C-alpha atoms as a PDB file:
ATOM      1  CA  MET A   1     -38.056   8.299  16.861  1.00  0.00           C
ATOM      2  CA  ASN A   2     -35.695   7.142  13.732  1.00  0.00           C
ATOM      3  CA  HIS A   3     -34.964  10.813  12.866  1.00  0.00           C
ATOM      4  CA  LEU A   4     -33.736   9.683   9.045  1.00  0.00           C
ATOM      5  CA  GLN A   5     -36.644   6.778   8.559  1.00  0.00           C
ATOM      6  CA  ALA A   6     -39.699   9.875   9.696  1.00  0.00           C
ATOM      7  CA  MET A   7     -37.734  12.463   7.126  1.00  0.00           C
ATOM      8  CA  ARG A   8     -38.385   9.807   4.135  1.00  0.00           C
ATOM      9  CA  VAL A   9     -41.894   9.512   5.423  1.00  0.00           C
ATOM     10  CA  PHE A  10     -43.113  12.998   5.538  1.00  0.00           C
ATOM     11  CA  LEU A  11     -40.977  13.370   2.681  1.00  0.00           C
ATOM     12  CA  LYS A  12     -43.182  11.046   0.695  1.00  0.00           C
ATOM     13  CA  VAL A  13     -46.421  11.692   2.492  1.00  0.00           C
ATOM     14  CA  ALA A  14     -45.845  15.649   0.726  1.00  0.00           C
ATOM     15  CA  GLU A  15     -45.170  14.025  -2.761  1.00  0.00           C
ATOM     16  CA  ASN A  16     -47.928  12.272  -2.832  1.00  0.00           C
ATOM     17  CA  GLY A  17     -50.387  14.510  -0.992  1.00  0.00           C
ATOM     18  CA  SER A  18     -51.571  11.865   1.103  1.00  0.00           C
ATOM     19  CA  PHE A  19     -51.023   9.453   3.966  1.00  0.00           C
ATOM     20  CA  GLY A  20     -52.413   6.172   1.714  1.00  0.00           C
ATOM     21  CA  ARG A  21     -50.528   6.370  -1.165  1.00  0.00           C
ATOM     22  CA  ALA A  22     -47.785   7.377   0.731  1.00  0.00           C
ATOM     23  CA  ALA A  23     -48.407   4.517   2.915  1.00  0.00           C
ATOM     24  CA  ALA A  24     -48.398   2.407  -0.097  1.00  0.00           C
ATOM     25  CA  SER A  25     -45.652   3.030  -1.721  1.00  0.00           C
ATOM     26  CA  LEU A  26     -43.346   2.417   1.553  1.00  0.00           C
ATOM     27  CA  ASP A  27     -45.419  -0.702   1.803  1.00  0.00           C
ATOM     28  CA  LEU A  28     -46.182   0.506   5.512  1.00  0.00           C
ATOM     29  CA  SER A  29     -49.639   0.696   7.382  1.00  0.00           C
ATOM     30  CA  ASN A  30     -51.352   4.089   7.387  1.00  0.00           C
ATOM     31  CA  ALA A  31     -51.355   4.320  11.745  1.00  0.00           C
ATOM     32  CA  VAL A  32     -47.347   4.011  10.995  1.00  0.00           C
ATOM     33  CA  VAL A  33     -46.509   6.845   8.580  1.00  0.00           C
ATOM     34  CA  THR A  34     -49.398   9.190  10.578  1.00  0.00           C
ATOM     35  CA  ARG A  35     -47.150   8.265  13.178  1.00  0.00           C
ATOM     36  CA  TYR A  36     -44.745   9.294  12.079  1.00  0.00           C
ATOM     37  CA  VAL A  37     -45.523  12.682  10.975  1.00  0.00           C
ATOM     38  CA  ALA A  38     -46.641  12.991  14.130  1.00  0.00           C
ATOM     39  CA  LEU A  39     -43.702  12.409  16.090  1.00  0.00           C
ATOM     40  CA  LEU A  40     -41.702  15.299  13.848  1.00  0.00           C
ATOM     41  CA  GLU A  41     -44.594  17.450  14.470  1.00  0.00           C
ATOM     42  CA  THR A  42     -44.283  17.171  18.448  1.00  0.00           C
ATOM     43  CA  HIS A  43     -39.860  17.037  18.074  1.00  0.00           C
ATOM     44  CA  LEU A  44     -40.053  20.436  15.722  1.00  0.00           C
ATOM     45  CA  ASN A  45     -43.199  21.816  17.742  1.00  0.00           C
ATOM     46  CA  THR A  46     -45.143  22.660  14.649  1.00  0.00           C
ATOM     47  CA  ARG A  47     -47.579  21.589  12.674  1.00  0.00           C
ATOM     48  CA  LEU A  48     -46.542  20.534   8.934  1.00  0.00           C
ATOM     49  CA  VAL A  49     -49.341  19.478   7.917  1.00  0.00           C
ATOM     50  CA  ASN A  50     -53.014  20.220   7.168  1.00  0.00           C
ATOM     51  CA  ARG A  51     -55.389  17.931   7.910  1.00  0.00           C
ATOM     52  CA  THR A  52     -59.091  17.551   7.207  1.00  0.00           C
ATOM     53  CA  THR A  53     -61.634  14.132   5.852  1.00  0.00           C
ATOM     54  CA  ARG A  54     -60.999  14.939   2.532  1.00  0.00           C
ATOM     55  CA  SER A  55     -57.750  16.626   1.881  1.00  0.00           C
ATOM     56  CA  LEU A  56     -53.912  17.052   3.318  1.00  0.00           C
ATOM     57  CA  SER A  57     -52.094  20.539   1.957  1.00  0.00           C
ATOM     58  CA  LEU A  58     -48.982  21.488   3.566  1.00  0.00           C
ATOM     59  CA  THR A  59     -48.175  24.120   5.795  1.00  0.00           C
ATOM     60  CA  GLU A  60     -45.259  26.619   4.884  1.00  0.00           C
ATOM     61  CA  ALA A  61     -43.241  25.352   7.984  1.00  0.00           C
ATOM     62  CA  GLY A  62     -43.861  21.772   6.201  1.00  0.00           C
ATOM     63  CA  LEU A  63     -43.159  22.926   2.800  1.00  0.00           C
ATOM     64  CA  ALA A  64     -39.919  24.190   3.563  1.00  0.00           C
ATOM     65  CA  TYR A  65     -39.228  21.508   5.905  1.00  0.00           C
ATOM     66  CA  ALA A  66     -40.097  19.450   3.151  1.00  0.00           C
ATOM     67  CA  GLU A  67     -37.259  20.450   0.698  1.00  0.00           C
ATOM     68  CA  GLY A  68     -34.989  20.196   3.481  1.00  0.00           C
ATOM     69  CA  CYS A  69     -35.250  16.699   3.641  1.00  0.00           C
ATOM     70  CA  ARG A  70     -35.133  16.071   0.108  1.00  0.00           C
ATOM     71  CA  GLN A  71     -31.716  18.415  -0.728  1.00  0.00           C
ATOM     72  CA  THR A  72     -30.612  16.188   3.181  1.00  0.00           C
ATOM     73  CA  LEU A  73     -31.981  12.396   1.153  1.00  0.00           C
ATOM     74  CA  GLU A  74     -30.248  13.215  -1.603  1.00  0.00           C
ATOM     75  CA  GLN A  75     -27.273  14.165   0.010  1.00  0.00           C
ATOM     76  CA  LEU A  76     -26.981  11.422   2.058  1.00  0.00           C
ATOM     77  CA  ASP A  77     -28.088   9.310  -1.096  1.00  0.00           C
ATOM     78  CA  ALA A  78     -25.054  10.245  -2.990  1.00  0.00           C
ATOM     79  CA  MET A  79     -23.055   9.936  -0.258  1.00  0.00           C
ATOM     80  CA  GLU A  80     -23.838   5.975   1.046  1.00  0.00           C
ATOM     81  CA  SER A  81     -23.460   5.533  -2.932  1.00  0.00           C
ATOM     82  CA  SER A  82     -20.738   6.664  -3.237  1.00  0.00           C
ATOM     83  CA  ILE A  83     -19.403   4.307  -0.709  1.00  0.00           C
ATOM     84  CA  SER A  84     -20.455   1.465  -1.716  1.00  0.00           C
ATOM     85  CA  GLN A  85     -19.260   2.224  -5.281  1.00  0.00           C
ATOM     86  CA  SER A  86     -16.100   2.184  -3.593  1.00  0.00           C
ATOM     87  CA  ALA A  87     -16.176  -0.547  -1.433  1.00  0.00           C
ATOM     88  CA  THR A  88     -17.092  -2.750  -4.426  1.00  0.00           C
ATOM     89  CA  HIS A  89     -14.917  -0.637  -7.308  1.00  0.00           C
ATOM     90  CA  PRO A  90     -11.564   0.235  -7.393  1.00  0.00           C
ATOM     91  CA  ALA A  91     -10.992   4.273  -6.854  1.00  0.00           C
ATOM     92  CA  GLY A  92     -10.307   6.920  -4.807  1.00  0.00           C
ATOM     93  CA  THR A  93      -5.947   7.579  -3.880  1.00  0.00           C
ATOM     94  CA  LEU A  94      -4.561   4.359  -3.211  1.00  0.00           C
ATOM     95  CA  LYS A  95      -1.435   5.483   0.197  1.00  0.00           C
ATOM     96  CA  LEU A  96       1.862   2.942  -0.865  1.00  0.00           C
ATOM     97  CA  VAL A  97       4.814   2.955   1.113  1.00  0.00           C
ATOM     98  CA  ALA A  98       8.170   0.705  -0.145  1.00  0.00           C
ATOM     99  CA  VAL A  99      11.193  -0.136   0.779  1.00  0.00           C
ATOM    100  CA  ALA A 100      13.402   2.378  -0.931  1.00  0.00           C
ATOM    101  CA  SER A 101      16.927   0.396  -2.255  1.00  0.00           C
ATOM    102  CA  PHE A 102      14.053  -2.112  -3.917  1.00  0.00           C
ATOM    103  CA  SER A 103      12.046   0.521  -5.172  1.00  0.00           C
ATOM    104  CA  LEU A 104      14.339   2.688  -7.049  1.00  0.00           C
ATOM    105  CA  PHE A 105      15.309  -0.332  -9.692  1.00  0.00           C
ATOM    106  CA  GLY A 106      11.328  -1.049 -11.087  1.00  0.00           C
ATOM    107  CA  LEU A 107       8.419  -0.165  -8.581  1.00  0.00           C
ATOM    108  CA  THR A 108       6.974   1.817 -11.338  1.00  0.00           C
ATOM    109  CA  PRO A 109       6.551  -1.243 -13.418  1.00  0.00           C
ATOM    110  CA  LEU A 110       4.419  -2.711 -11.094  1.00  0.00           C
ATOM    111  CA  LEU A 111       2.623   0.189 -10.666  1.00  0.00           C
ATOM    112  CA  GLN A 112       1.934   0.971 -14.539  1.00  0.00           C
ATOM    113  CA  ARG A 113       0.211  -2.019 -15.287  1.00  0.00           C
ATOM    114  CA  TYR A 114      -1.589  -1.472 -12.195  1.00  0.00           C
ATOM    115  CA  ARG A 115      -2.538   2.078 -13.106  1.00  0.00           C
ATOM    116  CA  ALA A 116      -3.710   0.563 -16.598  1.00  0.00           C
ATOM    117  CA  GLN A 117      -6.090  -2.063 -15.415  1.00  0.00           C
ATOM    118  CA  HIS A 118      -7.266   0.601 -12.321  1.00  0.00           C
ATOM    119  CA  PRO A 119      -7.569   4.058 -13.971  1.00  0.00           C
ATOM    120  CA  LYS A 120      -9.535   5.078 -11.146  1.00  0.00           C
ATOM    121  CA  VAL A 121      -6.958   4.626  -8.273  1.00  0.00           C
ATOM    122  CA  LYS A 122      -4.657   7.537  -7.999  1.00  0.00           C
ATOM    123  CA  LEU A 123      -0.649   5.942  -6.273  1.00  0.00           C
ATOM    124  CA  SER A 124       0.642   8.022  -3.769  1.00  0.00           C
ATOM    125  CA  VAL A 125       4.018   6.713  -3.068  1.00  0.00           C
ATOM    126  CA  THR A 126       6.442   7.334  -0.178  1.00  0.00           C
ATOM    127  CA  LEU A 127      10.430   5.395  -0.131  1.00  0.00           C
ATOM    128  CA  LEU A 128      11.283   5.267   3.198  1.00  0.00           C
ATOM    129  CA  HIS A 129      14.374   3.191   5.144  1.00  0.00           C
ATOM    130  CA  ARG A 130      13.331   3.944   8.523  1.00  0.00           C
ATOM    131  CA  PRO A 131      10.541   1.644  10.135  1.00  0.00           C
ATOM    132  CA  VAL A 132       7.073   2.641   9.601  1.00  0.00           C
ATOM    133  CA  ASP A 133       3.110   2.769  11.497  1.00  0.00           C
ATOM    134  CA  LEU A 134       1.358   1.258   8.665  1.00  0.00           C
ATOM    135  CA  ILE A 135      -1.589   2.365  10.268  1.00  0.00           C
ATOM    136  CA  GLU A 136      -0.507   5.542  12.626  1.00  0.00           C
ATOM    137  CA  GLU A 137       0.384   7.371   9.745  1.00  0.00           C
ATOM    138  CA  GLY A 138      -1.978   6.044   6.840  1.00  0.00           C
ATOM    139  CA  PHE A 139      -0.544   3.743   4.594  1.00  0.00           C
ATOM    140  CA  ASP A 140      -3.138   1.276   2.934  1.00  0.00           C
ATOM    141  CA  VAL A 141      -0.484  -0.993   2.125  1.00  0.00           C
ATOM    142  CA  GLY A 142       4.242  -1.383   1.843  1.00  0.00           C
ATOM    143  CA  ILE A 143       6.355  -3.073   0.025  1.00  0.00           C
ATOM    144  CA  VAL A 144       8.684  -4.100   2.610  1.00  0.00           C
ATOM    145  CA  VAL A 145      11.498  -5.733   4.302  1.00  0.00           C
ATOM    146  CA  PRO A 146      11.715  -7.426   7.818  1.00  0.00           C
ATOM    147  CA  GLY A 147      10.848  -5.385  11.094  1.00  0.00           C
ATOM    148  CA  GLN A 148      10.410  -2.035   8.269  1.00  0.00           C
ATOM    149  CA  VAL A 149       7.029  -2.426   9.406  1.00  0.00           C
ATOM    150  CA  SER A 150       5.229  -1.934  12.998  1.00  0.00           C
ATOM    151  CA  SER A 151       1.672  -1.774  13.379  1.00  0.00           C
ATOM    152  CA  GLY A 152      -1.094  -3.493  15.431  1.00  0.00           C
ATOM    153  CA  THR A 153      -2.619  -6.369  13.163  1.00  0.00           C
ATOM    154  CA  LEU A 154      -1.510  -6.234   9.574  1.00  0.00           C
ATOM    155  CA  ILE A 155      -1.277  -9.317   6.922  1.00  0.00           C
ATOM    156  CA  THR A 156       1.855 -10.374   5.175  1.00  0.00           C
ATOM    157  CA  ARG A 157       2.001 -12.145   1.565  1.00  0.00           C
ATOM    158  CA  SER A 158       5.808 -12.827   0.543  1.00  0.00           C
ATOM    159  CA  LEU A 159       6.396 -11.615  -2.938  1.00  0.00           C
ATOM    160  CA  PHE A 160       9.739 -12.814  -3.302  1.00  0.00           C
ATOM    161  CA  ARG A 161      13.683 -13.592  -1.701  1.00  0.00           C
ATOM    162  CA  VAL A 162      16.727 -11.493  -2.593  1.00  0.00           C
ATOM    163  CA  ARG A 163      19.835 -12.909  -2.321  1.00  0.00           C
ATOM    164  CA  ALA A 164      22.953 -10.271  -1.247  1.00  0.00           C
ATOM    165  CA  ILE A 165      26.162 -11.065  -2.707  1.00  0.00           C
ATOM    166  CA  ALA A 166      29.416  -9.751  -2.802  1.00  0.00           C
ATOM    167  CA  VAL A 167      30.787  -7.455  -5.668  1.00  0.00           C
ATOM    168  CA  ALA A 168      33.312  -5.127  -7.087  1.00  0.00           C
ATOM    169  CA  SER A 169      34.697  -3.774 -10.348  1.00  0.00           C
ATOM    170  CA  HIS A 170      37.640  -4.614 -13.151  1.00  0.00           C
ATOM    171  CA  GLY A 171      39.158  -1.910 -12.027  1.00  0.00           C
ATOM    172  CA  TYR A 172      39.485  -2.287  -8.742  1.00  0.00           C
ATOM    173  CA  ILE A 173      40.081  -6.054  -8.844  1.00  0.00           C
ATOM    174  CA  GLY A 174      42.974  -5.520 -11.254  1.00  0.00           C
ATOM    175  CA  ALA A 175      44.171  -3.102  -9.444  1.00  0.00           C
ATOM    176  CA  ASN A 176      43.514  -4.482  -5.613  1.00  0.00           C
ATOM    177  CA  GLY A 177      43.605  -8.739  -6.609  1.00  0.00           C
ATOM    178  CA  MET A 178      41.126 -10.962  -6.127  1.00  0.00           C
ATOM    179  CA  PRO A 179      40.267 -12.198  -2.626  1.00  0.00           C
ATOM    180  CA  VAL A 180      40.314 -15.626  -2.219  1.00  0.00           C
ATOM    181  CA  THR A 181      38.851 -16.100   1.775  1.00  0.00           C
ATOM    182  CA  PRO A 182      36.339 -14.134   3.824  1.00  0.00           C
ATOM    183  CA  ALA A 183      39.503 -13.470   6.010  1.00  0.00           C
ATOM    184  CA  SER A 184      40.947 -11.543   2.410  1.00  0.00           C
ATOM    185  CA  LEU A 185      38.633  -8.422   2.865  1.00  0.00           C
ATOM    186  CA  SER A 186      39.855  -7.261   6.707  1.00  0.00           C
ATOM    187  CA  GLU A 187      43.038  -6.555   3.059  1.00  0.00           C
ATOM    188  CA  HIS A 188      40.028  -4.575   0.381  1.00  0.00           C
ATOM    189  CA  THR A 189      38.746  -1.493   1.045  1.00  0.00           C
ATOM    190  CA  PHE A 190      34.918  -2.954   1.905  1.00  0.00           C
ATOM    191  CA  LEU A 191      31.692  -0.274   0.449  1.00  0.00           C
ATOM    192  CA  ALA A 192      29.022  -0.921   3.306  1.00  0.00           C
ATOM    193  CA  PRO A 193      25.564   0.075   3.845  1.00  0.00           C
ATOM    194  CA  SER A 194      24.949   2.026   7.096  1.00  0.00           C
ATOM    195  CA  ALA A 195      25.218   0.996  10.116  1.00  0.00           C
ATOM    196  CA  ASN A 196      21.559   1.066  10.993  1.00  0.00           C
ATOM    197  CA  LEU A 197      21.087  -1.498   8.771  1.00  0.00           C
ATOM    198  CA  HIS A 198      23.611  -3.708   9.161  1.00  0.00           C
ATOM    199  CA  ASN A 199      26.340  -4.181  11.562  1.00  0.00           C
ATOM    200  CA  SER A 200      30.272  -4.346  10.769  1.00  0.00           C
ATOM    201  CA  ASP A 201      30.454  -8.570  10.842  1.00  0.00           C
ATOM    202  CA  TRP A 202      29.029 -10.688   8.029  1.00  0.00           C
ATOM    203  CA  SER A 203      28.934 -14.352   8.207  1.00  0.00           C
ATOM    204  CA  PHE A 204      29.813 -16.254   5.309  1.00  0.00           C
ATOM    205  CA  VAL A 205      28.719 -19.966   4.246  1.00  0.00           C
ATOM    206  CA  ALA A 206      31.407 -21.814   2.031  1.00  0.00           C
ATOM    207  CA  GLU A 207      30.559 -25.852  -0.002  1.00  0.00           C
ATOM    208  CA  ASP A 208      30.949 -27.380   2.748  1.00  0.00           C
ATOM    209  CA  GLY A 209      28.924 -25.216   5.377  1.00  0.00           C
ATOM    210  CA  HIS A 210      31.667 -24.224   7.370  1.00  0.00           C
ATOM    211  CA  VAL A 211      30.987 -20.547   8.806  1.00  0.00           C
ATOM    212  CA  GLU A 212      33.458 -17.916   9.052  1.00  0.00           C
ATOM    213  CA  THR A 213      33.079 -14.891  10.411  1.00  0.00           C
ATOM    214  CA  VAL A 214      34.823 -11.771   9.549  1.00  0.00           C
ATOM    215  CA  THR A 215      34.989  -7.508  11.131  1.00  0.00           C
ATOM    216  CA  LEU A 216      34.991  -5.072   8.130  1.00  0.00           C
ATOM    217  CA  GLU A 217      34.996  -1.751   8.926  1.00  0.00           C
ATOM    218  CA  PRO A 218      33.820   0.175   5.751  1.00  0.00           C
ATOM    219  CA  ALA A 219      35.811   2.436   4.342  1.00  0.00           C
ATOM    220  CA  TYR A 220      32.449   3.808   2.554  1.00  0.00           C
ATOM    221  CA  SER A 221      28.666   3.600   3.995  1.00  0.00           C
ATOM    222  CA  VAL A 222      25.746   4.606   2.596  1.00  0.00           C
ATOM    223  CA  ASN A 223      22.044   4.038   3.545  1.00  0.00           C
ATOM    224  CA  ASN A 224      21.231   3.620  -0.282  1.00  0.00           C
ATOM    225  CA  ALA A 225      21.591   0.450  -2.824  1.00  0.00           C
ATOM    226  CA  VAL A 226      22.175   2.590  -5.523  1.00  0.00           C
ATOM    227  CA  MET A 227      25.119   4.640  -4.404  1.00  0.00           C
ATOM    228  CA  LEU A 228      26.811   1.726  -3.139  1.00  0.00           C
ATOM    229  CA  ARG A 229      26.631   0.862  -7.070  1.00  0.00           C
ATOM    230  CA  GLN A 230      26.883   3.444  -8.040  1.00  0.00           C
ATOM    231  CA  ALA A 231      30.787   3.361  -5.756  1.00  0.00           C
ATOM    232  CA  ALA A 232      31.063  -0.087  -6.826  1.00  0.00           C
ATOM    233  CA  LEU A 233      31.312   0.557 -10.766  1.00  0.00           C
ATOM    234  CA  ALA A 234      33.707   3.823 -10.064  1.00  0.00           C
ATOM    235  CA  ASP A 235      35.955   1.467  -8.507  1.00  0.00           C
ATOM    236  CA  MET A 236      35.613   2.432  -5.046  1.00  0.00           C
ATOM    237  CA  GLY A 237      35.879  -1.384  -3.533  1.00  0.00           C
ATOM    238  CA  ILE A 238      34.609  -4.549  -2.641  1.00  0.00           C
ATOM    239  CA  THR A 239      30.607  -3.680  -1.670  1.00  0.00           C
ATOM    240  CA  ILE A 240      27.504  -6.104  -1.096  1.00  0.00           C
ATOM    241  CA  LEU A 241      24.310  -5.982  -2.623  1.00  0.00           C
ATOM    242  CA  PRO A 242      20.947  -8.130  -4.097  1.00  0.00           C
ATOM    243  CA  GLU A 243      21.920  -9.862  -6.823  1.00  0.00           C
ATOM    244  CA  ASN A 244      19.215  -8.863  -9.025  1.00  0.00           C
ATOM    245  CA  HIS A 245      20.696  -4.789  -8.123  1.00  0.00           C
ATOM    246  CA  VAL A 246      23.671  -6.278 -10.251  1.00  0.00           C
ATOM    247  CA  ALA A 247      22.559  -8.556 -12.694  1.00  0.00           C
ATOM    248  CA  ALA A 248      22.763  -6.306 -16.144  1.00  0.00           C
ATOM    249  CA  ASP A 249      26.127  -5.914 -14.646  1.00  0.00           C
ATOM    250  CA  LEU A 250      27.745  -9.039 -13.689  1.00  0.00           C
ATOM    251  CA  SER A 251      26.064  -9.897 -17.464  1.00  0.00           C
ATOM    252  CA  GLU A 252      27.677  -7.069 -18.901  1.00  0.00           C
ATOM    253  CA  GLY A 253      31.468  -7.431 -16.623  1.00  0.00           C
ATOM    254  CA  THR A 254      31.316  -4.103 -16.176  1.00  0.00           C
ATOM    255  CA  LEU A 255      31.028  -6.095 -12.240  1.00  0.00           C
ATOM    256  CA  VAL A 256      32.290  -9.017 -11.184  1.00  0.00           C
ATOM    257  CA  ARG A 257      31.284 -11.123  -8.063  1.00  0.00           C
ATOM    258  CA  VAL A 258      33.380 -11.073  -5.617  1.00  0.00           C
ATOM    259  CA  LEU A 259      34.318 -15.299  -3.261  1.00  0.00           C
ATOM    260  CA  ALA A 260      31.353 -17.093  -6.137  1.00  0.00           C
ATOM    261  CA  SER A 261      32.221 -19.694  -3.709  1.00  0.00           C
ATOM    262  CA  TYR A 262      30.529 -18.612  -0.343  1.00  0.00           C
ATOM    263  CA  GLN A 263      26.775 -17.114   0.322  1.00  0.00           C
ATOM    264  CA  ILE A 264      26.590 -14.620   2.913  1.00  0.00           C
ATOM    265  CA  LYS A 265      24.029 -15.528   5.756  1.00  0.00           C
ATOM    266  CA  GLY A 266      21.619 -13.391   6.890  1.00  0.00           C
ATOM    267  CA  ALA A 267      21.896 -11.043   4.170  1.00  0.00           C
ATOM    268  CA  ASP A 268      19.214 -12.248   1.993  1.00  0.00           C
ATOM    269  CA  LYS A 269      15.977  -9.819   2.201  1.00  0.00           C
ATOM    270  CA  GLU A 270      12.404 -11.424   2.023  1.00  0.00           C
ATOM    271  CA  VAL A 271      10.062  -8.251   0.513  1.00  0.00           C
ATOM    272  CA  SER A 272       6.025  -8.964   1.257  1.00  0.00           C
ATOM    273  CA  LEU A 273       3.164  -7.080   0.882  1.00  0.00           C
ATOM    274  CA  VAL A 274       1.475  -5.885   3.795  1.00  0.00           C
ATOM    275  CA  TYR A 275      -1.942  -4.340   4.839  1.00  0.00           C
ATOM    276  CA  PRO A 276      -3.743  -4.005   7.947  1.00  0.00           C
ATOM    277  CA  GLY A 277      -6.349  -6.305   8.761  1.00  0.00           C
ATOM    278  CA  ARG A 278      -8.965  -4.999   8.740  1.00  0.00           C
ATOM    279  CA  ARG A 279     -12.365  -6.647   8.441  1.00  0.00           C
ATOM    280  CA  HIS A 280     -13.851  -4.393   5.588  1.00  0.00           C
ATOM    281  CA  VAL A 281     -10.652  -3.914   3.198  1.00  0.00           C
ATOM    282  CA  SER A 282     -11.299  -1.096   0.633  1.00  0.00           C
ATOM    283  CA  ALA A 283     -11.668  -2.018  -3.136  1.00  0.00           C
ATOM    284  CA  LYS A 284      -8.606  -0.336  -3.700  1.00  0.00           C
ATOM    285  CA  THR A 285      -6.519  -2.490  -1.247  1.00  0.00           C
ATOM    286  CA  ARG A 286      -7.560  -5.146  -2.857  1.00  0.00           C
ATOM    287  CA  SER A 287      -7.199  -4.952  -5.785  1.00  0.00           C
ATOM    288  CA  PHE A 288      -3.898  -3.424  -5.681  1.00  0.00           C
ATOM    289  CA  VAL A 289      -3.050  -6.975  -3.067  1.00  0.00           C
ATOM    290  CA  ASP A 290      -3.929  -9.393  -5.323  1.00  0.00           C
ATOM    291  CA  PHE A 291      -2.833  -7.171  -8.485  1.00  0.00           C
ATOM    292  CA  THR A 292       0.170  -7.406  -7.180  1.00  0.00           C
ATOM    293  CA  VAL A 293       0.618 -11.150  -6.079  1.00  0.00           C
ATOM    294  CA  ASP A 294      -0.064 -12.336  -8.809  1.00  0.00           C
ATOM    295  CA  TYR A 295       2.346 -10.583 -10.911  1.00  0.00           C
ATOM    296  CA  PHE A 296       5.077 -11.124  -8.995  1.00  0.00           C
ATOM    297  CA  ARG A 297       3.379 -15.176  -9.135  1.00  0.00           C
ATOM    298  CA  SER A 298       3.691 -15.026 -12.962  1.00  0.00           C
ATOM    299  CA  GLU A 299       6.522 -16.958 -14.411  1.00  0.00           C
ATOM    300  CA  SER A 300       6.976 -14.178 -17.338  1.00  0.00           C
ATOM    301  CA  VAL A 301       7.376 -11.622 -14.576  1.00  0.00           C
ATOM    302  CA  PRO A 302      11.090 -11.618 -12.818  1.00  0.00           C
ATOM    303  CA  PRO A 303      11.010  -9.494  -9.144  1.00  0.00           C
ATOM    304  CA  PHE A 304      11.232  -5.620 -10.632  1.00  0.00           C
ATOM    305  CA  PRO A 305      11.992  -6.642 -14.235  1.00  0.00           C
ATOM    306  CA  ALA A 306      13.476  -3.054 -14.015  1.00  0.00           C
ATOM    307  CA  ILE A 307      16.337  -3.708 -12.501  1.00  0.00           C
ATOM    308  CA  PHE A 308      17.966  -6.366 -14.801  1.00  0.00           C
ATOM    309  CA  GLN A 309      18.694  -2.938 -17.361  1.00  0.00           C
ATOM    310  CA  ASN A 310      20.890  -0.210 -16.315  1.00  0.00           C
ATOM    311  CA  THR A 311      19.824   2.736 -14.084  1.00  0.00           C
END
């Protein structure tokens, strides 16, 4: 027996006071309607309907069961309607994980614009440096760098690439001189990301393609790009940071580019959007994915625009 269907049929019989009228409204035969009610009575081991050749009435048990069916089916219909709405209309809480060093500089403008367009979606944001299992930890979507996420099948959408450059303050360079080759960096105070983010070997590519690798032991290391930038601004030494983290500082002259004729090999970061590759992606996740990809493709919106302002 299809129990839910039987409940719907019985409730229709109770509301119409007739097997025939219930059958007509449900587009079923009288025999099918009668069969469903009989199956329910057998299942419950009690009579629900008093039948005569001319009339139909509910027993006391039938009246109670009809009211229970009505409440149950109304709750079920409301739940299904809510789920169906959430599948087509963005709503609920979106759990987002993002790489902290980039997000601290400019994730908010993206989220503000998304919320303005989708006010029924609540955002729960977690900033991390460590690797994260997207599915195991219950996140809907991530804005991350390579190697930061693990899980089963994930869909990856590239957002932008950030170039790394070496910088120092005018005060530091004035007091210690400007290095002219990668090898001369060993004579300077080096500020580095933590060892788990980058080892002590740095490779520099000259304009002619020649690669020079130097080992730089940091005098100061930290797992946060914001603090590295602050250390450089405090005249503590030379560091390597994503170019857009220090764009305003370079423009204002508070920081200067070091070894500007060299590119730093393997230090650039690809920032991507990732989400579980499920068959049915929720409307809130789909809307955020589409919005974010369009946001960074827009020529009028540079990657994380707030990073061009002082932090």
